[in-house]
Amino acid sequence: MLILTLAYCGLRWGELSGLRVRDLDLTRRQLTVQQTVVADKGYQRVKPPKDYEHRSIPIPAFLVDALRLQTSGRSGDDPVFYGSRTNTRLRNHTFRNGWFNDAATEVGLEGLTPHELRHTAASLAVSAGANVKAVQRMLGRASASITFDVYADLFNDDLDAVAVALDKAAMKSAVARMLPGGQMRR
């Protein structure tokens, strides 16, 4: 569940660690980033999100029931994802050394980091048709231009799709009659 949430919602690790049960609205299929957890000299500290920007992120429908099960019986201030031994917020280092690094290596993705799943979320959103502004808001980026600079290569295939869509629209309009022969192209 944790991996799917990172890969489909695009959270930073600290945002995922700081996610509380009350930050989920499973009826509306949204989660709200209201805090982040940072490691500070071996201690975890709760802080406002990066750039102090609270944001809502859509939750894909296929994750809702699993998140409901994940949070069942937990109070609103409890973390959504927690350490199995400590029942408290997850630590990135413990999570990675505990099983993530080995699992990534086993599936041929040695060196994969949880943060790279944020890039996966951006890629999935773009391939699903999200525009750069929607991806910016989902990831909590300061601006669309920064988002585009970081993820520009994800939009390359979109250019071909734009040309195809424009062609289809033009051929259904008066533009088609302006072409040589005045006939619609097939």
C-alpha atoms as a PDB file:
ATOM      1  CA  MET A   1       0.000   0.000   0.000  1.00  0.00           C
ATOM      2  CA  LEU A   2       2.783   2.386   0.859  1.00  0.00           C
ATOM      3  CA  ILE A   3       4.515   1.833  -2.504  1.00  0.00           C
ATOM      4  CA  LEU A   4       1.248   2.277  -4.414  1.00  0.00           C
ATOM      5  CA  THR A   5       0.483   5.478  -2.512  1.00  0.00           C
ATOM      6  CA  LEU A   6       3.917   6.905  -3.322  1.00  0.00           C
ATOM      7  CA  ALA A   7       3.680   5.816  -6.971  1.00  0.00           C
ATOM      8  CA  TYR A   8       0.145   7.081  -7.611  1.00  0.00           C
ATOM      9  CA  CYS A   9      -0.106  10.126  -5.324  1.00  0.00           C
ATOM     10  CA  GLY A  10       3.411  11.551  -5.677  1.00  0.00           C
ATOM     11  CA  LEU A  11       4.098  12.267  -2.025  1.00  0.00           C
ATOM     12  CA  ARG A  12       7.535  13.153  -0.713  1.00  0.00           C
ATOM     13  CA  TRP A  13       8.775  10.729   1.956  1.00  0.00           C
ATOM     14  CA  GLY A  14       8.233  13.225   4.785  1.00  0.00           C
ATOM     15  CA  GLU A  15       4.689  13.883   3.567  1.00  0.00           C
ATOM     16  CA  LEU A  16       3.943  10.154   3.512  1.00  0.00           C
ATOM     17  CA  SER A  17       5.424   9.721   6.987  1.00  0.00           C
ATOM     18  CA  GLY A  18       3.398  12.682   8.256  1.00  0.00           C
ATOM     19  CA  LEU A  19       0.134  11.495   6.687  1.00  0.00           C
ATOM     20  CA  ARG A  20      -2.484  10.939   9.380  1.00  0.00           C
ATOM     21  CA  VAL A  21      -5.753   9.047   9.204  1.00  0.00           C
ATOM     22  CA  ARG A  22      -7.679  12.326   9.383  1.00  0.00           C
ATOM     23  CA  ASP A  23      -5.805  13.577   6.301  1.00  0.00           C
ATOM     24  CA  LEU A  24      -7.678  11.013   4.181  1.00  0.00           C
ATOM     25  CA  ASP A  25     -11.117  11.704   2.778  1.00  0.00           C
ATOM     26  CA  LEU A  26     -11.871   8.340   1.250  1.00  0.00           C
ATOM     27  CA  THR A  27     -15.423   9.338   0.294  1.00  0.00           C
ATOM     28  CA  ARG A  28     -14.127  12.184  -1.864  1.00  0.00           C
ATOM     29  CA  ARG A  29     -11.025  10.148  -2.796  1.00  0.00           C
ATOM     30  CA  GLN A  30      -8.583  12.807  -1.661  1.00  0.00           C
ATOM     31  CA  LEU A  31      -5.732  13.096   0.773  1.00  0.00           C
ATOM     32  CA  THR A  32      -4.499  16.355   2.204  1.00  0.00           C
ATOM     33  CA  VAL A  33      -0.860  17.130   2.874  1.00  0.00           C
ATOM     34  CA  GLN A  34      -0.937  19.163   6.067  1.00  0.00           C
ATOM     35  CA  GLN A  35       2.370  18.252   7.643  1.00  0.00           C
ATOM     36  CA  THR A  36       5.668  16.618   6.911  1.00  0.00           C
ATOM     37  CA  VAL A  37       8.054  14.672   9.109  1.00  0.00           C
ATOM     38  CA  VAL A  38      11.766  15.415   8.973  1.00  0.00           C
ATOM     39  CA  ALA A  39      14.639  13.550  10.575  1.00  0.00           C
ATOM     40  CA  ASP A  40      16.688  15.833  12.803  1.00  0.00           C
ATOM     41  CA  LYS A  41      19.683  14.367  14.634  1.00  0.00           C
ATOM     42  CA  GLY A  42      17.992  11.002  15.002  1.00  0.00           C
ATOM     43  CA  TYR A  43      14.646  12.454  16.049  1.00  0.00           C
ATOM     44  CA  GLN A  44      11.542  12.920  13.954  1.00  0.00           C
ATOM     45  CA  ARG A  45      10.070  16.382  13.910  1.00  0.00           C
ATOM     46  CA  VAL A  46       6.713  17.467  12.455  1.00  0.00           C
ATOM     47  CA  LYS A  47       6.811  20.575  10.263  1.00  0.00           C
ATOM     48  CA  PRO A  48       4.526  22.324   7.805  1.00  0.00           C
ATOM     49  CA  PRO A  49       4.791  21.026   4.227  1.00  0.00           C
ATOM     50  CA  LYS A  50       7.482  22.300   1.883  1.00  0.00           C
ATOM     51  CA  ASP A  51       6.846  25.942   0.966  1.00  0.00           C
ATOM     52  CA  TYR A  52       4.121  25.860   3.662  1.00  0.00           C
ATOM     53  CA  GLU A  53       1.683  24.731   1.012  1.00  0.00           C
ATOM     54  CA  HIS A  54      -1.086  22.424   2.125  1.00  0.00           C
ATOM     55  CA  ARG A  55      -2.536  20.607  -0.850  1.00  0.00           C
ATOM     56  CA  SER A  56      -5.155  18.054  -1.783  1.00  0.00           C
ATOM     57  CA  ILE A  57      -4.181  15.099  -3.899  1.00  0.00           C
ATOM     58  CA  PRO A  58      -6.599  12.821  -5.710  1.00  0.00           C
ATOM     59  CA  ILE A  59      -6.549   9.162  -4.670  1.00  0.00           C
ATOM     60  CA  PRO A  60      -7.154   6.711  -7.510  1.00  0.00           C
ATOM     61  CA  ALA A  61     -10.318   4.694  -6.835  1.00  0.00           C
ATOM     62  CA  PHE A  62      -8.446   1.383  -6.780  1.00  0.00           C
ATOM     63  CA  LEU A  63      -6.546   2.508  -3.649  1.00  0.00           C
ATOM     64  CA  VAL A  64      -9.566   3.577  -1.596  1.00  0.00           C
ATOM     65  CA  ASP A  65     -10.626   0.215  -0.156  1.00  0.00           C
ATOM     66  CA  ALA A  66      -7.047  -0.735   0.654  1.00  0.00           C
ATOM     67  CA  LEU A  67      -6.483   2.600   2.421  1.00  0.00           C
ATOM     68  CA  ARG A  68      -9.738   2.088   4.312  1.00  0.00           C
ATOM     69  CA  LEU A  69      -8.440  -1.292   5.490  1.00  0.00           C
ATOM     70  CA  GLN A  70      -5.026   0.221   6.290  1.00  0.00           C
ATOM     71  CA  THR A  71      -6.606   2.818   8.588  1.00  0.00           C
ATOM     72  CA  SER A  72      -9.367   0.701  10.091  1.00  0.00           C
ATOM     73  CA  GLY A  73      -9.543   1.032  13.871  1.00  0.00           C
ATOM     74  CA  ARG A  74      -6.999   3.842  13.999  1.00  0.00           C
ATOM     75  CA  SER A  75      -7.698   7.298  15.420  1.00  0.00           C
ATOM     76  CA  GLY A  76      -7.531  10.490  13.369  1.00  0.00           C
ATOM     77  CA  ASP A  77      -4.085  11.497  14.651  1.00  0.00           C
ATOM     78  CA  ASP A  78      -2.529   8.070  14.011  1.00  0.00           C
ATOM     79  CA  PRO A  79      -0.163   7.764  11.059  1.00  0.00           C
ATOM     80  CA  VAL A  80      -1.573   6.055   7.982  1.00  0.00           C
ATOM     81  CA  PHE A  81       1.690   4.152   7.502  1.00  0.00           C
ATOM     82  CA  TYR A  82       3.596   3.097  10.580  1.00  0.00           C
ATOM     83  CA  GLY A  83       6.426   0.889  11.733  1.00  0.00           C
ATOM     84  CA  SER A  84       5.302  -2.648  12.472  1.00  0.00           C
ATOM     85  CA  ARG A  85       7.418  -2.868  15.639  1.00  0.00           C
ATOM     86  CA  THR A  86       6.990   0.665  16.944  1.00  0.00           C
ATOM     87  CA  ASN A  87       3.469   1.457  15.663  1.00  0.00           C
ATOM     88  CA  THR A  88       4.769   5.019  15.063  1.00  0.00           C
ATOM     89  CA  ARG A  89       5.800   7.040  12.007  1.00  0.00           C
ATOM     90  CA  LEU A  90       8.010   5.323   9.492  1.00  0.00           C
ATOM     91  CA  ARG A  91      11.639   6.318   9.167  1.00  0.00           C
ATOM     92  CA  ASN A  92      13.051   6.409   5.654  1.00  0.00           C
ATOM     93  CA  HIS A  93      16.329   4.780   6.671  1.00  0.00           C
ATOM     94  CA  THR A  94      14.605   1.928   8.526  1.00  0.00           C
ATOM     95  CA  PHE A  95      12.125   1.395   5.699  1.00  0.00           C
ATOM     96  CA  ARG A  96      14.839   1.279   3.037  1.00  0.00           C
ATOM     97  CA  ASN A  97      17.179  -0.982   4.974  1.00  0.00           C
ATOM     98  CA  GLY A  98      14.316  -3.082   6.329  1.00  0.00           C
ATOM     99  CA  TRP A  99      13.039  -4.309   2.972  1.00  0.00           C
ATOM    100  CA  PHE A 100      12.694  -1.660   0.251  1.00  0.00           C
ATOM    101  CA  ASN A 101      16.275  -1.786  -1.061  1.00  0.00           C
ATOM    102  CA  ASP A 102      16.250  -5.596  -1.210  1.00  0.00           C
ATOM    103  CA  ALA A 103      12.840  -5.653  -2.891  1.00  0.00           C
ATOM    104  CA  ALA A 104      13.953  -3.093  -5.497  1.00  0.00           C
ATOM    105  CA  THR A 105      17.076  -5.137  -6.247  1.00  0.00           C
ATOM    106  CA  GLU A 106      15.035  -8.340  -6.502  1.00  0.00           C
ATOM    107  CA  VAL A 107      12.823  -6.849  -9.221  1.00  0.00           C
ATOM    108  CA  GLY A 108      15.819  -5.448 -11.123  1.00  0.00           C
ATOM    109  CA  LEU A 109      15.628  -1.852  -9.875  1.00  0.00           C
ATOM    110  CA  GLU A 110      18.729  -1.705  -7.694  1.00  0.00           C
ATOM    111  CA  GLY A 111      19.290   1.807  -6.386  1.00  0.00           C
ATOM    112  CA  LEU A 112      15.631   2.787  -6.624  1.00  0.00           C
ATOM    113  CA  THR A 113      14.658   5.261  -3.927  1.00  0.00           C
ATOM    114  CA  PRO A 114      11.218   6.046  -2.508  1.00  0.00           C
ATOM    115  CA  HIS A 115      11.603   9.575  -3.922  1.00  0.00           C
ATOM    116  CA  GLU A 116      11.816   8.156  -7.433  1.00  0.00           C
ATOM    117  CA  LEU A 117       8.280   6.853  -6.989  1.00  0.00           C
ATOM    118  CA  ARG A 118       7.286  10.521  -6.977  1.00  0.00           C
ATOM    119  CA  HIS A 119       8.618  10.687 -10.528  1.00  0.00           C
ATOM    120  CA  THR A 120       6.633   7.556 -11.307  1.00  0.00           C
ATOM    121  CA  ALA A 121       3.491   9.367 -10.122  1.00  0.00           C
ATOM    122  CA  ALA A 122       4.262  12.299 -12.413  1.00  0.00           C
ATOM    123  CA  SER A 123       4.844   9.944 -15.330  1.00  0.00           C
ATOM    124  CA  LEU A 124       1.615   8.050 -14.685  1.00  0.00           C
ATOM    125  CA  ALA A 125      -0.341  11.304 -14.404  1.00  0.00           C
ATOM    126  CA  VAL A 126       1.077  12.638 -17.665  1.00  0.00           C
ATOM    127  CA  SER A 127       0.437   9.379 -19.518  1.00  0.00           C
ATOM    128  CA  ALA A 128      -3.148   9.459 -18.199  1.00  0.00           C
ATOM    129  CA  GLY A 129      -3.588  12.873 -19.829  1.00  0.00           C
ATOM    130  CA  ALA A 130      -2.968  15.270 -16.941  1.00  0.00           C
ATOM    131  CA  ASN A 131      -1.732  18.692 -17.951  1.00  0.00           C
ATOM    132  CA  VAL A 132       1.390  20.234 -16.467  1.00  0.00           C
ATOM    133  CA  LYS A 133      -0.634  22.477 -14.112  1.00  0.00           C
ATOM    134  CA  ALA A 134      -2.455  19.463 -12.635  1.00  0.00           C
ATOM    135  CA  VAL A 135       0.846  17.609 -12.175  1.00  0.00           C
ATOM    136  CA  GLN A 136       2.302  20.724 -10.524  1.00  0.00           C
ATOM    137  CA  ARG A 137      -0.537  20.884  -8.002  1.00  0.00           C
ATOM    138  CA  MET A 138      -0.442  17.149  -7.317  1.00  0.00           C
ATOM    139  CA  LEU A 139       3.301  17.228  -6.589  1.00  0.00           C
ATOM    140  CA  GLY A 140       3.237  20.491  -4.649  1.00  0.00           C
ATOM    141  CA  ARG A 141       5.686  22.201  -6.977  1.00  0.00           C
ATOM    142  CA  ALA A 142       6.083  25.963  -6.721  1.00  0.00           C
ATOM    143  CA  SER A 143       5.298  26.611 -10.372  1.00  0.00           C
ATOM    144  CA  ALA A 144       4.265  24.912 -13.579  1.00  0.00           C
ATOM    145  CA  SER A 145       7.521  26.036 -15.216  1.00  0.00           C
ATOM    146  CA  ILE A 146       9.591  24.199 -12.588  1.00  0.00           C
ATOM    147  CA  THR A 147       7.388  21.140 -13.028  1.00  0.00           C
ATOM    148  CA  PHE A 148       7.805  21.315 -16.776  1.00  0.00           C
ATOM    149  CA  ASP A 149      11.590  21.735 -16.462  1.00  0.00           C
ATOM    150  CA  VAL A 150      11.857  18.685 -14.213  1.00  0.00           C
ATOM    151  CA  TYR A 151       9.409  16.479 -16.150  1.00  0.00           C
ATOM    152  CA  ALA A 152       9.649  17.892 -19.702  1.00  0.00           C
ATOM    153  CA  ASP A 153      10.723  14.563 -21.170  1.00  0.00           C
ATOM    154  CA  LEU A 154       7.444  13.025 -19.994  1.00  0.00           C
ATOM    155  CA  PHE A 155       5.490  15.370 -22.248  1.00  0.00           C
ATOM    156  CA  ASN A 156       7.383  14.519 -25.494  1.00  0.00           C
ATOM    157  CA  ASP A 157       4.891  11.846 -26.555  1.00  0.00           C
ATOM    158  CA  ASP A 158       2.087  14.311 -25.842  1.00  0.00           C
ATOM    159  CA  LEU A 159       3.204  16.437 -28.784  1.00  0.00           C
ATOM    160  CA  ASP A 160       2.310  13.646 -31.199  1.00  0.00           C
ATOM    161  CA  ALA A 161      -1.018  13.144 -29.440  1.00  0.00           C
ATOM    162  CA  VAL A 162      -1.720  16.878 -29.710  1.00  0.00           C
ATOM    163  CA  ALA A 163      -1.083  16.786 -33.460  1.00  0.00           C
ATOM    164  CA  VAL A 164      -3.435  13.825 -33.875  1.00  0.00           C
ATOM    165  CA  ALA A 165      -6.151  15.510 -31.792  1.00  0.00           C
ATOM    166  CA  LEU A 166      -5.805  18.777 -33.706  1.00  0.00           C
ATOM    167  CA  ASP A 167      -6.006  16.907 -37.005  1.00  0.00           C
ATOM    168  CA  LYS A 168      -9.196  15.119 -35.954  1.00  0.00           C
ATOM    169  CA  ALA A 169     -10.794  18.364 -34.767  1.00  0.00           C
ATOM    170  CA  ALA A 170      -9.850  20.235 -37.942  1.00  0.00           C
ATOM    171  CA  MET A 171     -11.190  17.510 -40.188  1.00  0.00           C
ATOM    172  CA  LYS A 172     -14.562  17.698 -38.437  1.00  0.00           C
ATOM    173  CA  SER A 173     -14.749  21.487 -38.884  1.00  0.00           C
ATOM    174  CA  ALA A 174     -14.957  24.058 -41.660  1.00  0.00           C
ATOM    175  CA  VAL A 175     -11.170  23.858 -41.968  1.00  0.00           C
ATOM    176  CA  ALA A 176     -11.574  20.621 -43.915  1.00  0.00           C
ATOM    177  CA  ARG A 177     -13.469  22.479 -46.641  1.00  0.00           C
ATOM    178  CA  MET A 178     -10.571  24.895 -47.067  1.00  0.00           C
ATOM    179  CA  LEU A 179      -8.200  22.117 -48.073  1.00  0.00           C
ATOM    180  CA  PRO A 180      -7.426  21.630 -51.773  1.00  0.00           C
ATOM    181  CA  GLY A 181     -10.439  19.944 -53.299  1.00  0.00           C
ATOM    182  CA  GLY A 182     -12.611  21.105 -50.377  1.00  0.00           C
ATOM    183  CA  GLN A 183     -13.115  17.575 -49.156  1.00  0.00           C
ATOM    184  CA  MET A 184     -12.569  16.036 -45.810  1.00  0.00           C
ATOM    185  CA  ARG A 185      -9.489  13.897 -45.573  1.00  0.00           C
ATOM    186  CA  ARG A 186      -9.898  10.347 -44.358  1.00  0.00           C
END
